[in-house]
Amino acid sequence: MKLNRIFLGLTTIALLFAFAFTIPKKNVLIIGDSISIGYFPTVKKDLVNEAEVFHNPGNAQHTGTGLRMLDKWLGDQKYDVIVFNWGLWDLCYRHPESTVQGRRDKLNGEITYTVDVYEKNIEELVKRLKKTSAKLVFVTTTMIPPDEAGRFEGDEITYNDAAKAVMKKYDVEICDLHKHSIDIHKKYKLKDGDVHYTAEGYQKLAEPVISAIKQALK
């Protein structure tokens, strides 16, 4: 009995000691559109032992939605790293009479935001994110295929360049997912004329994002 009590006592002390020195997981927030929703599960799974990874509810759409919803998405939670992207929705042309999914129509539609407005919106969003004290990582917009219904090939480069200028101004790290997406899209595009990817494609896209987050967590 005496040995049992000693053993239980030592076990309790060991557990308390381990608990006291357990390093709590970091918190990571991903804000973005359907592309980020696609790679989010892989990121979350890979970082399960290092961080709690969250995504904003639903689709972050364009920078206008970001400006309207950002405070709600951030809430009262403290985040160590915030990964964010806007772009594909901003540079998309839509027409109310289009029958294509999302009312996309780059021939007759109107652009959501010009690159100048996009840049101004991104700067306002970065200013707000800077107030969180989290480490920020901007993810560049993935490639646009030439036959996409509502977006012009190459516009993403112009918008990325504008965003990169803002990130440089505010010393925000950049994960250049666009560079990686070019080869990934060739092999793992969901279908012709689609900016989205197969499940395996999203897993490939997750890799540079995971790397960027791990670097930011150091």
C-alpha atoms as a PDB file:
ATOM      1  CA  MET A   1       0.000   0.000   0.000  1.00  0.00           C
ATOM      2  CA  LYS A   2       2.803   2.359   0.938  1.00  0.00           C
ATOM      3  CA  LEU A   3       4.595   1.685  -2.354  1.00  0.00           C
ATOM      4  CA  ASN A   4       1.338   2.250  -4.246  1.00  0.00           C
ATOM      5  CA  ARG A   5       0.865   5.637  -2.549  1.00  0.00           C
ATOM      6  CA  ILE A   6       4.453   6.596  -3.377  1.00  0.00           C
ATOM      7  CA  PHE A   7       3.967   5.509  -6.992  1.00  0.00           C
ATOM      8  CA  LEU A   8       0.718   7.451  -7.314  1.00  0.00           C
ATOM      9  CA  GLY A   9       2.335  10.487  -5.767  1.00  0.00           C
ATOM     10  CA  LEU A  10       5.267  10.381  -8.166  1.00  0.00           C
ATOM     11  CA  THR A  11       2.932   9.862 -11.112  1.00  0.00           C
ATOM     12  CA  THR A  12       0.866  12.882 -10.094  1.00  0.00           C
ATOM     13  CA  ILE A  13       3.965  15.025  -9.750  1.00  0.00           C
ATOM     14  CA  ALA A  14       5.221  13.881 -13.160  1.00  0.00           C
ATOM     15  CA  LEU A  15       1.896  14.726 -14.797  1.00  0.00           C
ATOM     16  CA  LEU A  16       1.766  18.150 -13.160  1.00  0.00           C
ATOM     17  CA  PHE A  17       5.344  18.811 -14.234  1.00  0.00           C
ATOM     18  CA  ALA A  18       4.594  17.776 -17.820  1.00  0.00           C
ATOM     19  CA  PHE A  19       1.446  19.898 -17.886  1.00  0.00           C
ATOM     20  CA  ALA A  20       3.272  22.930 -16.545  1.00  0.00           C
ATOM     21  CA  PHE A  21       5.889  22.737 -19.278  1.00  0.00           C
ATOM     22  CA  THR A  22       3.576  21.864 -22.179  1.00  0.00           C
ATOM     23  CA  ILE A  23       3.949  24.487 -24.873  1.00  0.00           C
ATOM     24  CA  PRO A  24       0.499  25.644 -26.004  1.00  0.00           C
ATOM     25  CA  LYS A  25      -0.288  25.445 -29.704  1.00  0.00           C
ATOM     26  CA  LYS A  26      -0.120  28.585 -31.768  1.00  0.00           C
ATOM     27  CA  ASN A  27      -3.197  29.964 -33.532  1.00  0.00           C
ATOM     28  CA  VAL A  28      -3.203  30.463 -37.292  1.00  0.00           C
ATOM     29  CA  LEU A  29      -5.963  32.123 -39.319  1.00  0.00           C
ATOM     30  CA  ILE A  30      -6.330  31.714 -43.077  1.00  0.00           C
ATOM     31  CA  ILE A  31      -8.453  34.295 -44.891  1.00  0.00           C
ATOM     32  CA  GLY A  32      -9.217  33.731 -48.542  1.00  0.00           C
ATOM     33  CA  ASP A  33     -11.455  32.566 -51.356  1.00  0.00           C
ATOM     34  CA  SER A  34     -12.244  29.093 -52.699  1.00  0.00           C
ATOM     35  CA  ILE A  35      -8.583  28.410 -53.488  1.00  0.00           C
ATOM     36  CA  SER A  36      -7.671  28.773 -49.815  1.00  0.00           C
ATOM     37  CA  ILE A  37     -10.737  26.742 -48.844  1.00  0.00           C
ATOM     38  CA  GLY A  38      -9.343  24.007 -51.095  1.00  0.00           C
ATOM     39  CA  TYR A  39      -5.889  23.824 -49.510  1.00  0.00           C
ATOM     40  CA  PHE A  40      -7.029  24.586 -45.954  1.00  0.00           C
ATOM     41  CA  PRO A  41      -7.696  20.944 -44.885  1.00  0.00           C
ATOM     42  CA  THR A  42      -4.183  19.874 -45.898  1.00  0.00           C
ATOM     43  CA  VAL A  43      -2.615  22.819 -44.077  1.00  0.00           C
ATOM     44  CA  LYS A  44      -4.654  22.098 -40.960  1.00  0.00           C
ATOM     45  CA  LYS A  45      -3.741  18.412 -40.992  1.00  0.00           C
ATOM     46  CA  ASP A  46      -0.031  19.014 -41.546  1.00  0.00           C
ATOM     47  CA  LEU A  47       0.225  21.563 -38.718  1.00  0.00           C
ATOM     48  CA  VAL A  48      -1.937  19.645 -36.224  1.00  0.00           C
ATOM     49  CA  ASN A  49       0.923  19.232 -33.737  1.00  0.00           C
ATOM     50  CA  GLU A  50       2.114  22.817 -34.043  1.00  0.00           C
ATOM     51  CA  ALA A  51      -0.923  25.026 -34.389  1.00  0.00           C
ATOM     52  CA  GLU A  52      -4.669  25.347 -34.384  1.00  0.00           C
ATOM     53  CA  VAL A  53      -5.479  26.420 -37.929  1.00  0.00           C
ATOM     54  CA  PHE A  54      -8.716  28.269 -38.693  1.00  0.00           C
ATOM     55  CA  HIS A  55     -10.335  29.634 -41.851  1.00  0.00           C
ATOM     56  CA  ASN A  56     -12.709  32.561 -42.055  1.00  0.00           C
ATOM     57  CA  PRO A  57     -16.317  31.355 -42.340  1.00  0.00           C
ATOM     58  CA  GLY A  58     -17.218  30.825 -45.977  1.00  0.00           C
ATOM     59  CA  ASN A  59     -15.575  32.560 -48.923  1.00  0.00           C
ATOM     60  CA  ALA A  60     -13.692  35.828 -48.364  1.00  0.00           C
ATOM     61  CA  GLN A  61     -14.595  36.866 -51.924  1.00  0.00           C
ATOM     62  CA  HIS A  62     -13.131  40.276 -52.873  1.00  0.00           C
ATOM     63  CA  THR A  63     -11.451  43.084 -50.938  1.00  0.00           C
ATOM     64  CA  GLY A  64     -14.775  44.853 -50.491  1.00  0.00           C
ATOM     65  CA  THR A  65     -16.071  41.876 -48.553  1.00  0.00           C
ATOM     66  CA  GLY A  66     -12.819  41.837 -46.617  1.00  0.00           C
ATOM     67  CA  LEU A  67     -13.199  45.459 -45.549  1.00  0.00           C
ATOM     68  CA  ARG A  68     -16.765  44.816 -44.462  1.00  0.00           C
ATOM     69  CA  MET A  69     -16.202  41.514 -42.657  1.00  0.00           C
ATOM     70  CA  LEU A  70     -12.623  41.546 -41.366  1.00  0.00           C
ATOM     71  CA  ASP A  71     -13.368  42.717 -37.823  1.00  0.00           C
ATOM     72  CA  LYS A  72     -16.010  40.009 -37.473  1.00  0.00           C
ATOM     73  CA  TRP A  73     -13.651  37.333 -38.797  1.00  0.00           C
ATOM     74  CA  LEU A  74     -10.910  38.374 -36.400  1.00  0.00           C
ATOM     75  CA  GLY A  75     -13.224  38.543 -33.394  1.00  0.00           C
ATOM     76  CA  ASP A  76     -11.532  38.467 -30.004  1.00  0.00           C
ATOM     77  CA  GLN A  77      -9.227  35.554 -30.813  1.00  0.00           C
ATOM     78  CA  LYS A  78      -5.494  36.191 -30.686  1.00  0.00           C
ATOM     79  CA  TYR A  79      -3.640  34.816 -33.700  1.00  0.00           C
ATOM     80  CA  ASP A  80       0.088  34.225 -34.007  1.00  0.00           C
ATOM     81  CA  VAL A  81      -0.008  34.046 -37.801  1.00  0.00           C
ATOM     82  CA  ILE A  82      -2.578  35.351 -40.271  1.00  0.00           C
ATOM     83  CA  VAL A  83      -2.381  34.159 -43.875  1.00  0.00           C
ATOM     84  CA  PHE A  84      -4.497  36.162 -46.299  1.00  0.00           C
ATOM     85  CA  ASN A  85      -5.336  36.655 -49.955  1.00  0.00           C
ATOM     86  CA  TRP A  86      -7.766  38.532 -52.153  1.00  0.00           C
ATOM     87  CA  GLY A  87      -7.621  38.862 -55.913  1.00  0.00           C
ATOM     88  CA  LEU A  88      -9.536  36.360 -58.025  1.00  0.00           C
ATOM     89  CA  TRP A  89     -12.868  37.955 -57.181  1.00  0.00           C
ATOM     90  CA  ASP A  90     -11.531  41.502 -57.463  1.00  0.00           C
ATOM     91  CA  LEU A  91     -10.350  41.087 -61.041  1.00  0.00           C
ATOM     92  CA  CYS A  92     -13.428  39.170 -62.183  1.00  0.00           C
ATOM     93  CA  TYR A  93     -15.866  40.628 -64.732  1.00  0.00           C
ATOM     94  CA  ARG A  94     -19.548  39.906 -64.150  1.00  0.00           C
ATOM     95  CA  HIS A  95     -22.773  40.692 -65.963  1.00  0.00           C
ATOM     96  CA  PRO A  96     -26.262  40.376 -64.433  1.00  0.00           C
ATOM     97  CA  GLU A  97     -27.608  38.580 -67.518  1.00  0.00           C
ATOM     98  CA  SER A  98     -24.791  36.061 -67.813  1.00  0.00           C
ATOM     99  CA  THR A  99     -25.825  32.427 -67.445  1.00  0.00           C
ATOM    100  CA  VAL A 100     -22.298  31.312 -66.564  1.00  0.00           C
ATOM    101  CA  GLN A 101     -21.683  30.316 -62.946  1.00  0.00           C
ATOM    102  CA  GLY A 102     -21.036  33.424 -60.874  1.00  0.00           C
ATOM    103  CA  ARG A 103     -22.487  35.656 -63.638  1.00  0.00           C
ATOM    104  CA  ARG A 104     -18.990  35.781 -65.135  1.00  0.00           C
ATOM    105  CA  ASP A 105     -18.610  37.576 -68.458  1.00  0.00           C
ATOM    106  CA  LYS A 106     -15.303  39.191 -69.387  1.00  0.00           C
ATOM    107  CA  LEU A 107     -16.621  40.479 -72.713  1.00  0.00           C
ATOM    108  CA  ASN A 108     -19.776  42.290 -71.601  1.00  0.00           C
ATOM    109  CA  GLY A 109     -19.425  42.488 -67.844  1.00  0.00           C
ATOM    110  CA  GLU A 110     -17.927  45.015 -65.444  1.00  0.00           C
ATOM    111  CA  ILE A 111     -14.850  44.384 -63.347  1.00  0.00           C
ATOM    112  CA  THR A 112     -15.389  44.085 -59.613  1.00  0.00           C
ATOM    113  CA  TYR A 113     -12.459  46.357 -58.708  1.00  0.00           C
ATOM    114  CA  THR A 114      -9.846  47.982 -60.898  1.00  0.00           C
ATOM    115  CA  VAL A 115      -6.254  47.320 -59.885  1.00  0.00           C
ATOM    116  CA  ASP A 116      -5.997  50.826 -58.399  1.00  0.00           C
ATOM    117  CA  VAL A 117      -9.001  50.285 -56.139  1.00  0.00           C
ATOM    118  CA  TYR A 118      -7.769  46.798 -55.299  1.00  0.00           C
ATOM    119  CA  GLU A 119      -4.422  48.193 -54.201  1.00  0.00           C
ATOM    120  CA  LYS A 120      -6.079  50.823 -51.996  1.00  0.00           C
ATOM    121  CA  ASN A 121      -8.365  48.202 -50.444  1.00  0.00           C
ATOM    122  CA  ILE A 122      -5.475  45.819 -49.819  1.00  0.00           C
ATOM    123  CA  GLU A 123      -3.556  48.584 -48.078  1.00  0.00           C
ATOM    124  CA  GLU A 124      -6.507  49.298 -45.768  1.00  0.00           C
ATOM    125  CA  LEU A 125      -6.803  45.593 -44.979  1.00  0.00           C
ATOM    126  CA  VAL A 126      -3.095  45.320 -44.197  1.00  0.00           C
ATOM    127  CA  LYS A 127      -3.312  48.338 -41.882  1.00  0.00           C
ATOM    128  CA  ARG A 128      -6.119  46.623 -39.975  1.00  0.00           C
ATOM    129  CA  LEU A 129      -4.310  43.271 -39.862  1.00  0.00           C
ATOM    130  CA  LYS A 130      -1.148  44.959 -38.587  1.00  0.00           C
ATOM    131  CA  LYS A 131      -3.050  46.006 -35.463  1.00  0.00           C
ATOM    132  CA  THR A 132      -3.462  42.352 -34.455  1.00  0.00           C
ATOM    133  CA  SER A 133       0.301  41.964 -33.808  1.00  0.00           C
ATOM    134  CA  ALA A 134       0.139  38.622 -35.652  1.00  0.00           C
ATOM    135  CA  LYS A 135       2.821  37.649 -38.131  1.00  0.00           C
ATOM    136  CA  LEU A 136       1.293  38.329 -41.565  1.00  0.00           C
ATOM    137  CA  VAL A 137       1.743  36.262 -44.719  1.00  0.00           C
ATOM    138  CA  PHE A 138       0.214  37.377 -48.017  1.00  0.00           C
ATOM    139  CA  VAL A 139      -0.470  34.632 -50.562  1.00  0.00           C
ATOM    140  CA  THR A 140      -0.378  35.715 -54.204  1.00  0.00           C
ATOM    141  CA  THR A 141      -3.299  35.010 -56.504  1.00  0.00           C
ATOM    142  CA  THR A 142      -3.064  31.768 -58.460  1.00  0.00           C
ATOM    143  CA  MET A 143      -2.916  31.603 -62.248  1.00  0.00           C
ATOM    144  CA  ILE A 144      -5.777  32.306 -64.622  1.00  0.00           C
ATOM    145  CA  PRO A 145      -6.145  30.037 -67.679  1.00  0.00           C
ATOM    146  CA  PRO A 146      -6.692  31.767 -71.056  1.00  0.00           C
ATOM    147  CA  ASP A 147     -10.215  30.430 -71.547  1.00  0.00           C
ATOM    148  CA  GLU A 148     -11.631  31.492 -68.155  1.00  0.00           C
ATOM    149  CA  ALA A 149     -15.115  33.012 -68.630  1.00  0.00           C
ATOM    150  CA  GLY A 150     -14.839  36.040 -66.379  1.00  0.00           C
ATOM    151  CA  ARG A 151     -11.134  36.715 -66.016  1.00  0.00           C
ATOM    152  CA  PHE A 152      -8.359  37.717 -68.403  1.00  0.00           C
ATOM    153  CA  GLU A 153      -5.148  35.723 -68.414  1.00  0.00           C
ATOM    154  CA  GLY A 154      -2.331  37.855 -67.030  1.00  0.00           C
ATOM    155  CA  ASP A 155      -4.511  40.178 -64.946  1.00  0.00           C
ATOM    156  CA  GLU A 156      -3.524  38.222 -61.858  1.00  0.00           C
ATOM    157  CA  ILE A 157       0.101  39.236 -62.456  1.00  0.00           C
ATOM    158  CA  THR A 158      -0.845  42.919 -62.509  1.00  0.00           C
ATOM    159  CA  TYR A 159      -2.900  42.568 -59.330  1.00  0.00           C
ATOM    160  CA  ASN A 160      -0.177  40.533 -57.640  1.00  0.00           C
ATOM    161  CA  ASP A 161       2.390  43.197 -58.467  1.00  0.00           C
ATOM    162  CA  ALA A 162       0.154  45.852 -56.906  1.00  0.00           C
ATOM    163  CA  ALA A 163      -0.327  43.735 -53.780  1.00  0.00           C
ATOM    164  CA  LYS A 164       3.391  42.974 -53.538  1.00  0.00           C
ATOM    165  CA  ALA A 165       4.134  46.713 -53.509  1.00  0.00           C
ATOM    166  CA  VAL A 166       1.817  47.105 -50.525  1.00  0.00           C
ATOM    167  CA  MET A 167       3.391  44.140 -48.728  1.00  0.00           C
ATOM    168  CA  LYS A 168       6.850  45.575 -49.260  1.00  0.00           C
ATOM    169  CA  LYS A 169       5.706  48.920 -47.860  1.00  0.00           C
ATOM    170  CA  TYR A 170       4.368  47.301 -44.685  1.00  0.00           C
ATOM    171  CA  ASP A 171       7.019  44.584 -44.359  1.00  0.00           C
ATOM    172  CA  VAL A 172       4.616  41.687 -44.879  1.00  0.00           C
ATOM    173  CA  GLU A 173       5.969  38.264 -45.882  1.00  0.00           C
ATOM    174  CA  ILE A 174       4.852  36.961 -49.282  1.00  0.00           C
ATOM    175  CA  CYS A 175       4.086  33.366 -50.227  1.00  0.00           C
ATOM    176  CA  ASP A 176       4.267  33.374 -54.023  1.00  0.00           C
ATOM    177  CA  LEU A 177       1.629  30.748 -54.712  1.00  0.00           C
ATOM    178  CA  HIS A 178       1.153  32.069 -58.243  1.00  0.00           C
ATOM    179  CA  LYS A 179       4.615  30.829 -59.181  1.00  0.00           C
ATOM    180  CA  HIS A 180       3.808  27.331 -57.909  1.00  0.00           C
ATOM    181  CA  SER A 181       0.307  27.294 -59.381  1.00  0.00           C
ATOM    182  CA  ILE A 182       1.499  27.471 -62.991  1.00  0.00           C
ATOM    183  CA  ASP A 183       2.869  23.911 -63.075  1.00  0.00           C
ATOM    184  CA  ILE A 184       0.299  22.603 -60.609  1.00  0.00           C
ATOM    185  CA  HIS A 185      -2.568  23.875 -62.773  1.00  0.00           C
ATOM    186  CA  LYS A 186      -1.190  22.111 -65.833  1.00  0.00           C
ATOM    187  CA  LYS A 187      -1.380  18.746 -64.074  1.00  0.00           C
ATOM    188  CA  TYR A 188      -4.200  19.202 -61.615  1.00  0.00           C
ATOM    189  CA  LYS A 189      -6.688  21.708 -63.045  1.00  0.00           C
ATOM    190  CA  LEU A 190     -10.288  20.843 -62.292  1.00  0.00           C
ATOM    191  CA  LYS A 191     -11.256  21.371 -65.935  1.00  0.00           C
ATOM    192  CA  ASP A 192     -10.436  23.598 -68.896  1.00  0.00           C
ATOM    193  CA  GLY A 193     -11.138  27.268 -68.265  1.00  0.00           C
ATOM    194  CA  ASP A 194     -11.427  26.773 -64.516  1.00  0.00           C
ATOM    195  CA  VAL A 195      -9.251  28.452 -61.883  1.00  0.00           C
ATOM    196  CA  HIS A 196      -9.913  25.598 -59.456  1.00  0.00           C
ATOM    197  CA  TYR A 197      -8.031  22.358 -58.818  1.00  0.00           C
ATOM    198  CA  THR A 198      -8.517  18.687 -58.131  1.00  0.00           C
ATOM    199  CA  ALA A 199      -8.099  17.387 -54.574  1.00  0.00           C
ATOM    200  CA  GLU A 200      -4.510  16.422 -55.353  1.00  0.00           C
ATOM    201  CA  GLY A 201      -3.929  19.859 -56.849  1.00  0.00           C
ATOM    202  CA  TYR A 202      -5.010  21.548 -53.628  1.00  0.00           C
ATOM    203  CA  GLN A 203      -2.670  19.286 -51.697  1.00  0.00           C
ATOM    204  CA  LYS A 204       0.174  20.480 -53.903  1.00  0.00           C
ATOM    205  CA  LEU A 205      -0.863  24.119 -53.437  1.00  0.00           C
ATOM    206  CA  ALA A 206      -0.856  23.604 -49.670  1.00  0.00           C
ATOM    207  CA  GLU A 207       2.865  22.777 -49.597  1.00  0.00           C
ATOM    208  CA  PRO A 208       4.292  26.309 -50.066  1.00  0.00           C
ATOM    209  CA  VAL A 209       1.618  27.707 -47.752  1.00  0.00           C
ATOM    210  CA  ILE A 210       2.594  25.230 -45.032  1.00  0.00           C
ATOM    211  CA  SER A 211       6.236  26.132 -45.506  1.00  0.00           C
ATOM    212  CA  ALA A 212       5.459  29.846 -45.174  1.00  0.00           C
ATOM    213  CA  ILE A 213       3.420  29.287 -42.012  1.00  0.00           C
ATOM    214  CA  LYS A 214       6.119  27.147 -40.404  1.00  0.00           C
ATOM    215  CA  GLN A 215       8.665  29.839 -41.116  1.00  0.00           C
ATOM    216  CA  ALA A 216       6.370  32.467 -39.605  1.00  0.00           C
ATOM    217  CA  LEU A 217       5.826  30.340 -36.494  1.00  0.00           C
ATOM    218  CA  LYS A 218       9.559  30.177 -35.713  1.00  0.00           C
END
